Amino acid sequence: MLGSAGWSIRTHIEVYGGRDQEVEDVEWLELCGREGWIALTMDRRVRYHSAEIAAIRRHRVKAFALASGNLRAADQAHRFLGNEARITAACADPGPFIYAVFADRIERIFPA
C-alpha cells in the first residue's frame, strides 16, 4: 500500500530473502543507517531495547514506530500515510531519532 502511494519501500523479505526471520534488529537498523533509509517499525517499544538504541545512535538512524502494535496491515499503512507530511518534515532533521506514529500525529520519543 505504501509503495502504491509513491513511497520507496524495501521490506525485510526483499532485502534479506530467506534469512528474513533470522535478522536481528541491530543488523537491519545498521543497514538503514548506512544506506540512509528511513526505518519503519511496528515495535513501539524499540526505545527500551538498549542494543537497538545503540545501533540507532551509532548509525544515525531515522525511525518511525507505530504507537499501536495491534493494527492490521492496511491500518498500519494508513497511519504512515496519514502522517506523511509530518514524517517528511521530521526527516529534514539529522538522525538519530525515533518518532511514535499515531493516527493523527507523530511524537519524538528518542532522544527525549
Protein backbone atom coordinates (compact mmCIF):
# COMPACT_ATOMS: atom_id res chain seq x y z
CA MET A 1 0.00 0.00 0.00
CA LEU A 2 2.82 2.46 0.79
CA GLY A 3 4.54 1.56 -2.47
CA SER A 4 1.39 2.22 -4.47
CA ALA A 5 1.18 5.62 -2.75
CA GLY A 6 4.60 6.51 -4.15
CA TRP A 7 6.79 5.57 -1.19
CA SER A 8 10.03 3.78 -1.98
CA ILE A 9 9.80 0.75 0.30
CA ARG A 10 12.21 -2.15 0.89
CA THR A 11 10.73 -4.91 3.03
CA HIS A 12 12.70 -7.33 5.17
CA ILE A 13 11.92 -10.19 2.81
CA GLU A 14 13.07 -8.18 -0.22
CA VAL A 15 16.36 -7.29 1.44
CA TYR A 16 17.13 -10.50 3.35
CA GLY A 17 15.22 -13.18 1.46
CA GLY A 18 15.06 -16.48 3.31
CA ARG A 19 17.07 -15.05 6.20
CA ASP A 20 14.27 -12.58 6.96
CA GLN A 21 13.12 -14.15 10.23
CA GLU A 22 16.71 -14.59 11.48
CA VAL A 23 17.86 -10.99 11.04
CA GLU A 24 18.43 -9.20 14.34
CA ASP A 25 17.03 -5.68 14.68
CA VAL A 26 20.52 -4.21 15.11
CA GLU A 27 21.51 -5.61 11.70
CA TRP A 28 18.67 -4.04 9.76
CA LEU A 29 18.98 -0.79 11.71
CA GLU A 30 22.66 -0.63 10.75
CA LEU A 31 21.71 -1.18 7.11
CA CYS A 32 19.09 1.58 7.31
CA GLY A 33 21.65 3.99 8.70
CA ARG A 34 24.36 3.02 6.23
CA GLU A 35 22.02 3.35 3.24
CA GLY A 36 20.22 6.44 4.52
CA TRP A 37 16.91 4.57 4.61
CA ILE A 38 14.11 5.58 6.96
CA ALA A 39 13.22 2.75 9.35
CA LEU A 40 9.51 1.98 9.75
CA THR A 41 8.69 -0.44 12.54
CA MET A 42 5.75 -1.92 14.40
CA ASP A 43 7.88 -2.24 17.56
CA ARG A 44 6.64 0.67 19.65
CA ARG A 45 8.93 -0.45 22.50
CA VAL A 46 12.11 -0.18 20.42
CA ARG A 47 13.28 2.76 22.53
CA TYR A 48 13.56 0.44 25.55
CA HIS A 49 15.93 -2.03 23.86
CA SER A 50 19.49 -0.99 24.62
CA ALA A 51 21.10 -2.82 21.68
CA GLU A 52 18.66 -1.27 19.21
CA ILE A 53 19.11 2.22 20.69
CA ALA A 54 22.89 1.79 20.44
CA ALA A 55 22.52 0.84 16.75
CA ILE A 56 20.20 3.78 16.11
CA ARG A 57 22.72 6.15 17.70
CA ARG A 58 25.80 4.65 16.08
CA HIS A 59 24.30 4.60 12.58
CA ARG A 60 22.26 7.81 12.92
CA VAL A 61 19.00 6.06 12.04
CA LYS A 62 15.78 7.96 11.45
CA ALA A 63 12.99 5.69 12.72
CA PHE A 64 9.23 5.81 12.95
CA ALA A 65 7.44 3.30 15.17
CA LEU A 66 3.72 2.68 15.20
CA ALA A 67 2.28 3.66 18.58
CA SER A 68 -0.13 0.72 18.44
CA GLY A 69 1.12 -2.76 17.67
CA ASN A 70 -2.34 -4.24 17.19
CA LEU A 71 -3.18 -2.86 13.75
CA ARG A 72 -3.97 -4.70 10.56
CA ALA A 73 -1.52 -4.14 7.69
CA ALA A 74 -3.86 -1.70 5.93
CA ASP A 75 -4.32 0.31 9.13
CA GLN A 76 -0.55 0.39 9.66
CA ALA A 77 -0.09 1.82 6.18
CA HIS A 78 -2.84 4.39 6.78
CA ARG A 79 -1.07 5.59 9.94
CA PHE A 80 2.12 6.23 7.98
CA LEU A 81 0.29 7.76 5.00
CA GLY A 82 -1.82 9.99 7.22
CA ASN A 83 1.36 11.39 8.72
CA GLU A 84 3.36 11.64 5.50
CA ALA A 85 3.84 15.42 5.69
CA ARG A 86 4.88 15.20 9.36
CA ILE A 87 7.28 12.34 8.65
CA THR A 88 8.80 14.24 5.72
CA ALA A 89 9.27 17.34 7.88
CA ALA A 90 10.84 15.31 10.70
CA CYS A 91 13.29 13.73 8.26
CA ALA A 92 14.71 17.16 7.45
CA ASP A 93 16.48 16.92 10.82
CA PRO A 94 19.58 14.75 11.08
CA GLY A 95 19.27 11.46 12.92
CA PRO A 96 19.36 9.66 15.13
CA PHE A 97 15.77 9.74 16.28
CA ILE A 98 12.61 7.70 16.82
CA TYR A 99 9.11 9.09 16.44
CA ALA A 100 5.97 7.29 17.60
CA VAL A 101 3.33 7.33 14.86
CA PHE A 102 -0.26 7.85 15.98
CA ALA A 103 -3.41 8.18 13.87
CA ASP A 104 -3.27 11.99 13.86
CA ARG A 105 0.29 12.95 14.86
CA ILE A 106 3.86 11.86 15.44
CA GLU A 107 5.76 12.37 18.69
CA ARG A 108 9.52 12.28 19.15
CA ILE A 109 10.32 9.60 21.72
CA PHE A 110 14.10 9.33 21.26
CA PRO A 111 16.11 11.20 22.13
CA ALA A 112 13.67 12.67 24.60
